[in-house]
Every structure is written in structure tokens, then in C-alpha cells.
Amino acid sequence: MSEKKMTSSRRHHLKSLILSIAANMIEEEKNELVAAKEAYMAENCPAPDKNGDQAALMEICKKLQAAIDKIDEERYDIESKVTKTDKEIDDLKIKVVDLVGVKKPALKKVRMSADSMLQALLGSKHKVTMDLRSNLKQVKKEVKEEVSNDCIRTRREMSGLNFVSLQK
């Protein structure tokens, strides 16, 4: 059987219907959440009786302050437990990585000249040319010249010493 493709207008219409249904569901969830909060507050936090003398109001304030302190202590305890477990989780992750080991990726062979490497490292602002072969050739020539000059000097000195020692 051949399946017919859906036209773009039909697809957009269905998409808009799904989005409108999802928006309605989200709105209903928000309303349910607000109703649940109001029910919880009505059950656990009855409205204070504002009628009475100053001593009664002070007693109500003390009770509220004690409840706030208790809740703050519980919140602090829970936060400390959460941070402790987060640290333990991080330590365990590090141990797992240490046990498994970090796999080194296979290096790719890159053909790049020294000039292009320097340009990539230093950026296009710096114009540095580096001809390594010519530098190596220059170094070899200098070393040979120095060695040959030293040899000639030492031979002359040796021959002069021998000549001087024979005269004495």
C-alpha cells in the first residue's frame, strides 16, 4: 500500500492543534498547583486570630517565630545533606574516570609547514618566517669553520712547540 504524504497545510493545522491542547494542559497544571498550595496553606497555616490584647498577639508572634526557626533548621539540614551527597557523587565520578582511564584519541597526521604553524599559533598579525633547513645549514658551516680553524691553530702550535723543543 502506498502511504500518502501529508500536505503542509494539514501538517501545520495538526501542529497548531497539538500546541493548543498542550497549552491548555499546562494551564490546567498551573491552576491545580495553585489550588494545592492554597489547600496546604489552609490546612497547615490557619489564619491567626488578630482579635485580642497585646499579650495574646505577642504569644502568636512567638509561636510563629519558633515555627520559622524550626523550618530554617530543617532547611539547613537538608541543604547540608544535599551538598554532602553532591560531593560524594563527584568523588565517585572521579574514581570511575580514574578506574576506566581516559582514552587518548587517535592523532591525525597533519602536514603543515613551520611557517603555517607559527602563523596558526601567533595569529595573522605576526609575520614570522622560519626556514629551518637554511638555519641548520648555517649552523653546520659555522661549526665546521670553527673546527677547522681550531685544528689549524693546534697543528701550528704543536709544530712550533716541537720546533722550539728541538732547538733547546
N, C-alpha and C. Protein backbone atom coordinates (compact mmCIF):
# COMPACT_ATOMS: atom_id res chain seq x y z
N MET A 1 0.84 -1.19 0.00
CA MET A 1 0.00 0.00 0.00
C MET A 1 0.88 1.24 0.00
N SER A 2 0.47 2.18 -0.71
CA SER A 2 1.24 3.42 -0.74
C SER A 2 0.66 4.38 0.27
N GLU A 3 1.58 4.95 1.03
CA GLU A 3 1.14 5.92 2.03
C GLU A 3 1.20 7.30 1.42
N LYS A 4 0.13 8.06 1.62
CA LYS A 4 0.08 9.40 1.05
C LYS A 4 0.78 10.37 2.00
N LYS A 5 1.50 11.29 1.41
CA LYS A 5 2.16 12.31 2.21
C LYS A 5 1.16 13.36 2.64
N MET A 6 1.41 13.89 3.80
CA MET A 6 0.52 14.91 4.35
C MET A 6 0.89 16.26 3.74
N THR A 7 -0.10 17.04 3.42
CA THR A 7 0.17 18.36 2.87
C THR A 7 0.69 19.27 3.98
N SER A 8 1.40 20.30 3.58
CA SER A 8 1.98 21.19 4.57
C SER A 8 0.90 21.93 5.35
N SER A 9 -0.21 22.30 4.71
CA SER A 9 -1.28 23.00 5.44
C SER A 9 -1.91 22.08 6.47
N ARG A 10 -2.09 20.82 6.13
CA ARG A 10 -2.66 19.85 7.09
C ARG A 10 -1.69 19.65 8.26
N ARG A 11 -0.41 19.53 7.93
CA ARG A 11 0.61 19.33 8.96
C ARG A 11 0.64 20.53 9.91
N HIS A 12 0.60 21.75 9.37
CA HIS A 12 0.60 22.94 10.21
C HIS A 12 -0.67 23.02 11.05
N HIS A 13 -1.80 22.61 10.49
CA HIS A 13 -3.07 22.63 11.25
C HIS A 13 -2.99 21.66 12.42
N LEU A 14 -2.49 20.44 12.17
CA LEU A 14 -2.37 19.46 13.26
C LEU A 14 -1.38 19.92 14.32
N LYS A 15 -0.29 20.54 13.87
CA LYS A 15 0.70 21.04 14.81
C LYS A 15 0.11 22.12 15.69
N SER A 16 -0.67 23.02 15.11
CA SER A 16 -1.30 24.08 15.91
C SER A 16 -2.31 23.50 16.89
N LEU A 17 -3.04 22.45 16.49
CA LEU A 17 -3.98 21.81 17.40
C LEU A 17 -3.25 21.16 18.58
N ILE A 18 -2.16 20.48 18.30
CA ILE A 18 -1.38 19.84 19.37
C ILE A 18 -0.83 20.89 20.32
N LEU A 19 -0.33 21.99 19.77
CA LEU A 19 0.20 23.05 20.62
C LEU A 19 -0.89 23.69 21.48
N SER A 20 -2.08 23.87 20.93
CA SER A 20 -3.17 24.46 21.73
C SER A 20 -3.60 23.52 22.84
N ILE A 21 -3.65 22.21 22.55
CA ILE A 21 -4.00 21.23 23.59
C ILE A 21 -2.93 21.22 24.68
N ALA A 22 -1.65 21.28 24.28
CA ALA A 22 -0.57 21.30 25.26
C ALA A 22 -0.62 22.56 26.11
N ALA A 23 -0.95 23.70 25.50
CA ALA A 23 -1.06 24.95 26.26
C ALA A 23 -2.18 24.85 27.28
N ASN A 24 -3.32 24.25 26.90
CA ASN A 24 -4.44 24.06 27.84
C ASN A 24 -4.03 23.15 28.99
N MET A 25 -3.30 22.08 28.70
CA MET A 25 -2.87 21.16 29.75
C MET A 25 -1.91 21.86 30.72
N ILE A 26 -1.01 22.67 30.20
CA ILE A 26 -0.08 23.40 31.06
C ILE A 26 -0.84 24.38 31.96
N GLU A 27 -1.83 25.05 31.39
CA GLU A 27 -2.63 26.00 32.18
C GLU A 27 -3.39 25.27 33.28
N GLU A 28 -3.95 24.09 32.98
CA GLU A 28 -4.65 23.31 34.00
C GLU A 28 -3.70 22.88 35.11
N GLU A 29 -2.48 22.47 34.75
CA GLU A 29 -1.50 22.07 35.76
C GLU A 29 -1.14 23.23 36.67
N LYS A 30 -1.00 24.43 36.09
CA LYS A 30 -0.71 25.61 36.91
C LYS A 30 -1.84 25.88 37.88
N ASN A 31 -3.08 25.79 37.40
CA ASN A 31 -4.24 26.02 38.28
C ASN A 31 -4.30 24.98 39.39
N GLU A 32 -4.01 23.71 39.06
CA GLU A 32 -4.02 22.67 40.08
C GLU A 32 -2.93 22.91 41.12
N LEU A 33 -1.79 23.37 40.67
CA LEU A 33 -0.68 23.65 41.59
C LEU A 33 -1.05 24.79 42.55
N VAL A 34 -1.68 25.84 42.02
CA VAL A 34 -2.11 26.96 42.87
C VAL A 34 -3.15 26.48 43.89
N ALA A 35 -4.09 25.66 43.44
CA ALA A 35 -5.12 25.14 44.35
C ALA A 35 -4.49 24.24 45.42
N ALA A 36 -3.50 23.43 45.05
CA ALA A 36 -2.85 22.56 46.02
C ALA A 36 -2.09 23.39 47.06
N LYS A 37 -1.44 24.47 46.61
CA LYS A 37 -0.74 25.34 47.55
C LYS A 37 -1.71 25.99 48.53
N GLU A 38 -2.83 26.47 48.02
CA GLU A 38 -3.82 27.11 48.89
C GLU A 38 -4.39 26.12 49.89
N ALA A 39 -4.64 24.88 49.46
CA ALA A 39 -5.16 23.86 50.37
C ALA A 39 -4.14 23.52 51.44
N TYR A 40 -2.90 23.40 51.08
CA TYR A 40 -1.84 23.10 52.06
C TYR A 40 -1.72 24.22 53.08
N MET A 41 -1.72 25.46 52.58
CA MET A 41 -1.60 26.60 53.49
C MET A 41 -2.80 26.68 54.43
N ALA A 42 -3.99 26.41 53.92
CA ALA A 42 -5.19 26.46 54.78
C ALA A 42 -5.14 25.36 55.83
N GLU A 43 -4.60 24.22 55.47
CA GLU A 43 -4.54 23.10 56.40
C GLU A 43 -3.45 23.28 57.45
N ASN A 44 -2.26 23.69 57.03
CA ASN A 44 -1.12 23.75 57.95
C ASN A 44 -0.92 25.12 58.59
N CYS A 45 -1.42 26.16 57.96
CA CYS A 45 -1.23 27.51 58.48
C CYS A 45 -2.58 28.22 58.59
N PRO A 46 -3.29 27.98 59.65
CA PRO A 46 -4.59 28.66 59.79
C PRO A 46 -4.37 30.16 59.99
N ALA A 47 -5.34 30.93 59.59
CA ALA A 47 -5.25 32.39 59.73
C ALA A 47 -5.18 32.75 61.21
N PRO A 48 -4.26 33.62 61.59
CA PRO A 48 -4.12 33.99 63.00
C PRO A 48 -5.31 34.84 63.45
N ASP A 49 -5.64 34.68 64.71
CA ASP A 49 -6.72 35.47 65.30
C ASP A 49 -6.14 36.81 65.72
N LYS A 50 -6.53 37.85 65.04
CA LYS A 50 -5.98 39.17 65.30
C LYS A 50 -6.73 39.90 66.42
N ASN A 51 -7.80 39.33 66.85
CA ASN A 51 -8.55 39.96 67.94
C ASN A 51 -7.94 39.55 69.27
N GLY A 52 -7.85 40.45 70.16
CA GLY A 52 -7.32 40.15 71.48
C GLY A 52 -6.38 41.24 71.95
N ASP A 53 -5.84 41.00 73.12
CA ASP A 53 -4.96 42.02 73.69
C ASP A 53 -3.53 41.82 73.18
N GLN A 54 -2.64 42.66 73.64
CA GLN A 54 -1.27 42.66 73.17
C GLN A 54 -0.53 41.39 73.59
N ALA A 55 -0.80 40.87 74.75
CA ALA A 55 -0.14 39.65 75.24
C ALA A 55 -0.47 38.46 74.34
N ALA A 56 -1.71 38.36 73.89
CA ALA A 56 -2.11 37.25 73.01
C ALA A 56 -1.40 37.37 71.65
N LEU A 57 -1.30 38.61 71.15
CA LEU A 57 -0.61 38.81 69.87
C LEU A 57 0.87 38.50 70.00
N MET A 58 1.47 38.85 71.14
CA MET A 58 2.88 38.54 71.36
C MET A 58 3.10 37.03 71.42
N GLU A 59 2.17 36.31 72.00
CA GLU A 59 2.25 34.85 72.08
C GLU A 59 2.18 34.24 70.68
N ILE A 60 1.29 34.77 69.84
CA ILE A 60 1.16 34.29 68.47
C ILE A 60 2.46 34.55 67.70
N CYS A 61 3.05 35.72 67.89
CA CYS A 61 4.31 36.06 67.22
C CYS A 61 5.43 35.12 67.65
N LYS A 62 5.47 34.77 68.95
CA LYS A 62 6.50 33.86 69.45
C LYS A 62 6.32 32.47 68.84
N LYS A 63 5.07 32.02 68.72
CA LYS A 63 4.81 30.71 68.11
C LYS A 63 5.24 30.71 66.64
N LEU A 64 4.92 31.79 65.94
CA LEU A 64 5.31 31.88 64.52
C LEU A 64 6.83 31.91 64.38
N GLN A 65 7.50 32.65 65.26
CA GLN A 65 8.95 32.72 65.21
C GLN A 65 9.57 31.36 65.49
N ALA A 66 9.01 30.61 66.44
CA ALA A 66 9.51 29.26 66.75
C ALA A 66 9.32 28.34 65.54
N ALA A 67 8.17 28.45 64.86
CA ALA A 67 7.93 27.63 63.68
C ALA A 67 8.90 27.98 62.56
N ILE A 68 9.18 29.26 62.39
CA ILE A 68 10.12 29.70 61.36
C ILE A 68 11.52 29.17 61.67
N ASP A 69 11.94 29.24 62.93
CA ASP A 69 13.25 28.73 63.32
C ASP A 69 13.36 27.23 63.04
N LYS A 70 12.30 26.50 63.36
CA LYS A 70 12.31 25.04 63.14
C LYS A 70 12.43 24.72 61.65
N ILE A 71 11.68 25.46 60.84
CA ILE A 71 11.73 25.23 59.39
C ILE A 71 13.10 25.59 58.84
N ASP A 72 13.70 26.68 59.33
CA ASP A 72 15.04 27.06 58.87
C ASP A 72 16.08 26.01 59.22
N GLU A 73 15.98 25.43 60.42
CA GLU A 73 16.90 24.36 60.82
C GLU A 73 16.75 23.15 59.91
N GLU A 74 15.51 22.77 59.62
CA GLU A 74 15.27 21.63 58.73
C GLU A 74 15.83 21.92 57.32
N ARG A 75 15.62 23.14 56.84
CA ARG A 75 16.12 23.52 55.52
C ARG A 75 17.64 23.45 55.48
N TYR A 76 18.28 23.95 56.54
CA TYR A 76 19.75 23.92 56.61
C TYR A 76 20.25 22.47 56.63
N ASP A 77 19.59 21.61 57.41
CA ASP A 77 20.00 20.20 57.48
C ASP A 77 19.87 19.53 56.11
N ILE A 78 18.77 19.81 55.44
CA ILE A 78 18.55 19.20 54.12
C ILE A 78 19.58 19.71 53.13
N GLU A 79 19.88 21.01 53.16
CA GLU A 79 20.89 21.57 52.25
C GLU A 79 22.26 20.95 52.51
N SER A 80 22.61 20.76 53.79
CA SER A 80 23.92 20.16 54.09
C SER A 80 23.97 18.70 53.60
N LYS A 81 22.87 17.97 53.73
CA LYS A 81 22.84 16.60 53.22
C LYS A 81 22.99 16.58 51.70
N VAL A 82 22.33 17.51 51.03
CA VAL A 82 22.40 17.57 49.58
C VAL A 82 23.82 17.90 49.12
N THR A 83 24.46 18.87 49.77
CA THR A 83 25.84 19.21 49.37
C THR A 83 26.79 18.05 49.65
N LYS A 84 26.56 17.34 50.75
CA LYS A 84 27.41 16.19 51.07
C LYS A 84 27.25 15.10 50.03
N THR A 85 26.02 14.80 49.65
CA THR A 85 25.81 13.76 48.63
C THR A 85 26.33 14.21 47.27
N ASP A 86 26.23 15.50 46.96
CA ASP A 86 26.79 16.01 45.69
C ASP A 86 28.30 15.81 45.66
N LYS A 87 28.97 16.09 46.78
CA LYS A 87 30.41 15.88 46.84
C LYS A 87 30.75 14.40 46.69
N GLU A 88 29.97 13.53 47.32
CA GLU A 88 30.21 12.09 47.20
C GLU A 88 30.02 11.64 45.76
N ILE A 89 29.01 12.17 45.10
CA ILE A 89 28.75 11.81 43.70
C ILE A 89 29.92 12.26 42.83
N ASP A 90 30.41 13.47 43.05
CA ASP A 90 31.55 13.96 42.27
C ASP A 90 32.79 13.11 42.50
N ASP A 91 33.03 12.73 43.77
CA ASP A 91 34.18 11.88 44.08
C ASP A 91 34.06 10.52 43.38
N LEU A 92 32.84 9.96 43.40
CA LEU A 92 32.64 8.67 42.74
C LEU A 92 32.82 8.78 41.23
N LYS A 93 32.38 9.89 40.65
CA LYS A 93 32.58 10.10 39.21
C LYS A 93 34.06 10.15 38.89
N ILE A 94 34.83 10.85 39.74
CA ILE A 94 36.27 10.94 39.52
C ILE A 94 36.92 9.56 39.65
N LYS A 95 36.47 8.77 40.65
CA LYS A 95 37.01 7.42 40.81
C LYS A 95 36.71 6.56 39.60
N VAL A 96 35.50 6.68 39.05
CA VAL A 96 35.12 5.90 37.88
C VAL A 96 36.01 6.28 36.70
N VAL A 97 36.23 7.56 36.51
CA VAL A 97 37.09 8.01 35.41
C VAL A 97 38.51 7.49 35.62
N ASP A 98 39.00 7.51 36.88
CA ASP A 98 40.34 7.01 37.16
C ASP A 98 40.44 5.52 36.88
N LEU A 99 39.40 4.77 37.24
CA LEU A 99 39.43 3.32 37.01
C LEU A 99 39.36 2.99 35.52
N VAL A 100 38.46 3.65 34.82
CA VAL A 100 38.30 3.38 33.40
C VAL A 100 39.48 3.93 32.63
N GLY A 101 39.93 5.09 33.03
CA GLY A 101 41.04 5.74 32.34
C GLY A 101 40.51 6.60 31.22
N VAL A 102 41.29 7.58 30.88
CA VAL A 102 40.90 8.47 29.80
C VAL A 102 41.48 7.93 28.51
N LYS A 103 40.63 7.71 27.55
CA LYS A 103 41.09 7.19 26.27
C LYS A 103 41.67 8.33 25.45
N LYS A 104 42.87 8.11 24.97
CA LYS A 104 43.51 9.13 24.15
C LYS A 104 43.00 8.97 22.72
N PRO A 105 42.56 10.05 22.13
CA PRO A 105 42.08 9.93 20.75
C PRO A 105 43.24 9.69 19.79
N ALA A 106 42.94 9.05 18.71
CA ALA A 106 43.96 8.81 17.71
C ALA A 106 44.35 10.14 17.08
N LEU A 107 45.63 10.38 17.03
CA LEU A 107 46.10 11.65 16.47
C LEU A 107 46.05 11.58 14.95
N LYS A 108 45.66 12.68 14.36
CA LYS A 108 45.60 12.76 12.92
C LYS A 108 46.91 13.31 12.39
N LYS A 109 47.32 12.80 11.27
CA LYS A 109 48.55 13.27 10.66
C LYS A 109 48.25 14.57 9.94
N VAL A 110 48.97 15.60 10.29
CA VAL A 110 48.74 16.90 9.69
C VAL A 110 50.01 17.33 8.99
N ARG A 111 49.87 17.70 7.75
CA ARG A 111 51.02 18.20 7.01
C ARG A 111 50.95 19.71 7.02
N MET A 112 51.90 20.29 7.72
CA MET A 112 51.88 21.73 7.89
C MET A 112 53.32 22.22 7.94
N SER A 113 53.57 23.29 7.26
CA SER A 113 54.93 23.82 7.28
C SER A 113 55.14 24.60 8.58
N ALA A 114 56.40 24.89 8.85
CA ALA A 114 56.73 25.62 10.08
C ALA A 114 56.14 27.02 10.03
N ASP A 115 56.15 27.65 8.85
CA ASP A 115 55.57 28.99 8.74
C ASP A 115 54.08 28.98 9.03
N SER A 116 53.37 27.99 8.50
CA SER A 116 51.92 27.94 8.74
C SER A 116 51.62 27.61 10.20
N MET A 117 52.49 26.80 10.85
CA MET A 117 52.29 26.52 12.28
C MET A 117 52.45 27.79 13.11
N LEU A 118 53.51 28.54 12.83
CA LEU A 118 53.72 29.78 13.56
C LEU A 118 52.59 30.77 13.31
N GLN A 119 52.11 30.81 12.07
CA GLN A 119 51.01 31.72 11.78
C GLN A 119 49.75 31.29 12.52
N ALA A 120 49.51 29.97 12.64
CA ALA A 120 48.34 29.49 13.36
C ALA A 120 48.47 29.78 14.85
N LEU A 121 49.69 29.65 15.40
CA LEU A 121 49.89 29.88 16.82
C LEU A 121 49.87 31.37 17.17
N LEU A 122 50.58 32.17 16.39
CA LEU A 122 50.73 33.58 16.72
C LEU A 122 49.63 34.45 16.14
N GLY A 123 48.93 33.95 15.16
CA GLY A 123 47.88 34.75 14.53
C GLY A 123 48.39 35.39 13.26
N SER A 124 47.51 36.02 12.55
CA SER A 124 47.88 36.58 11.26
C SER A 124 48.60 37.92 11.41
N LYS A 125 48.59 38.53 12.59
CA LYS A 125 49.24 39.82 12.78
C LYS A 125 50.76 39.70 12.71
N HIS A 126 51.30 38.60 13.25
CA HIS A 126 52.74 38.43 13.31
C HIS A 126 53.22 37.72 12.05
N LYS A 127 54.15 38.34 11.36
CA LYS A 127 54.74 37.74 10.16
C LYS A 127 56.10 37.19 10.54
N VAL A 128 56.17 35.90 10.76
CA VAL A 128 57.42 35.26 11.12
C VAL A 128 57.70 34.19 10.08
N THR A 129 58.87 34.27 9.47
CA THR A 129 59.26 33.23 8.54
C THR A 129 60.37 32.43 9.19
N MET A 130 60.28 31.15 9.04
CA MET A 130 61.24 30.29 9.70
C MET A 130 61.68 29.23 8.71
N ASP A 131 62.86 29.40 8.18
CA ASP A 131 63.41 28.43 7.25
C ASP A 131 64.41 27.58 8.03
N LEU A 132 63.93 26.46 8.54
CA LEU A 132 64.74 25.64 9.43
C LEU A 132 65.93 25.03 8.71
N ARG A 133 65.76 24.63 7.47
CA ARG A 133 66.86 23.98 6.76
C ARG A 133 68.03 24.94 6.55
N SER A 134 67.73 26.17 6.18
CA SER A 134 68.83 27.11 5.98
C SER A 134 69.53 27.41 7.30
N ASN A 135 68.76 27.49 8.39
CA ASN A 135 69.37 27.70 9.70
C ASN A 135 70.28 26.53 10.06
N LEU A 136 69.84 25.32 9.76
CA LEU A 136 70.67 24.16 10.08
C LEU A 136 71.94 24.17 9.24
N LYS A 137 71.81 24.52 7.96
CA LYS A 137 72.99 24.56 7.10
C LYS A 137 73.98 25.61 7.60
N GLN A 138 73.47 26.76 8.01
CA GLN A 138 74.34 27.80 8.51
C GLN A 138 75.06 27.35 9.76
N VAL A 139 74.36 26.70 10.64
CA VAL A 139 74.98 26.23 11.87
C VAL A 139 76.06 25.22 11.55
N LYS A 140 75.82 24.31 10.62
CA LYS A 140 76.81 23.30 10.28
C LYS A 140 78.06 23.95 9.69
N LYS A 141 77.88 24.94 8.82
CA LYS A 141 79.01 25.60 8.21
C LYS A 141 79.85 26.31 9.28
N GLU A 142 79.19 27.00 10.20
CA GLU A 142 79.90 27.71 11.24
C GLU A 142 80.69 26.75 12.11
N VAL A 143 80.10 25.64 12.43
CA VAL A 143 80.77 24.66 13.28
C VAL A 143 81.98 24.10 12.55
N LYS A 144 81.85 23.80 11.26
CA LYS A 144 82.97 23.25 10.51
C LYS A 144 84.11 24.26 10.42
N GLU A 145 83.77 25.52 10.17
CA GLU A 145 84.79 26.54 10.08
C GLU A 145 85.54 26.68 11.40
N GLU A 146 84.79 26.68 12.50
CA GLU A 146 85.43 26.81 13.81
C GLU A 146 86.32 25.61 14.08
N VAL A 147 85.84 24.44 13.75
CA VAL A 147 86.61 23.22 14.00
C VAL A 147 87.87 23.24 13.15
N SER A 148 87.75 23.60 11.89
CA SER A 148 88.92 23.60 11.02
C SER A 148 89.93 24.65 11.46
N ASN A 149 89.46 25.84 11.88
CA ASN A 149 90.38 26.87 12.37
C ASN A 149 91.10 26.40 13.63
N ASP A 150 90.37 25.74 14.51
CA ASP A 150 90.98 25.24 15.74
C ASP A 150 92.03 24.18 15.43
N CYS A 151 91.74 23.33 14.48
CA CYS A 151 92.69 22.28 14.12
C CYS A 151 93.97 22.89 13.55
N ILE A 152 93.79 23.88 12.68
CA ILE A 152 94.96 24.53 12.08
C ILE A 152 95.80 25.19 13.16
N ARG A 153 95.17 25.88 14.10
CA ARG A 153 95.90 26.55 15.18
C ARG A 153 96.66 25.55 16.03
N THR A 154 95.95 24.49 16.41
CA THR A 154 96.62 23.50 17.26
C THR A 154 97.77 22.83 16.53
N ARG A 155 97.65 22.59 15.25
CA ARG A 155 98.75 21.99 14.48
C ARG A 155 99.94 22.94 14.42
N ARG A 156 99.65 24.21 14.21
CA ARG A 156 100.75 25.19 14.16
C ARG A 156 101.44 25.28 15.52
N GLU A 157 100.61 25.30 16.57
CA GLU A 157 101.20 25.38 17.91
C GLU A 157 102.02 24.13 18.20
N MET A 158 101.49 22.99 17.84
CA MET A 158 102.21 21.75 18.07
C MET A 158 103.51 21.71 17.28
N SER A 159 103.42 22.15 16.06
CA SER A 159 104.64 22.15 15.25
C SER A 159 105.62 23.16 15.78
N GLY A 160 105.13 24.29 16.27
CA GLY A 160 106.01 25.31 16.85
C GLY A 160 106.64 24.81 18.13
N LEU A 161 105.88 24.08 18.93
CA LEU A 161 106.42 23.54 20.18
C LEU A 161 107.49 22.50 19.87
N ASN A 162 107.18 21.67 18.94
CA ASN A 162 108.17 20.65 18.60
C ASN A 162 109.45 21.31 18.06
N PHE A 163 109.26 22.33 17.29
CA PHE A 163 110.41 23.01 16.71
C PHE A 163 111.20 23.69 17.82
N VAL A 164 110.48 24.33 18.78
CA VAL A 164 111.13 25.04 19.87
C VAL A 164 111.82 24.02 20.77
N SER A 165 111.18 22.90 21.06
CA SER A 165 111.78 21.91 21.94
C SER A 165 113.03 21.30 21.31
N LEU A 166 113.06 21.18 20.00
CA LEU A 166 114.23 20.65 19.34
C LEU A 166 115.39 21.63 19.38
N GLN A 167 115.10 22.95 19.36
CA GLN A 167 116.16 23.96 19.39
C GLN A 167 116.80 24.01 20.76
N LYS A 168 116.12 23.75 21.81
CA LYS A 168 116.66 23.84 23.16
C LYS A 168 117.49 22.64 23.36
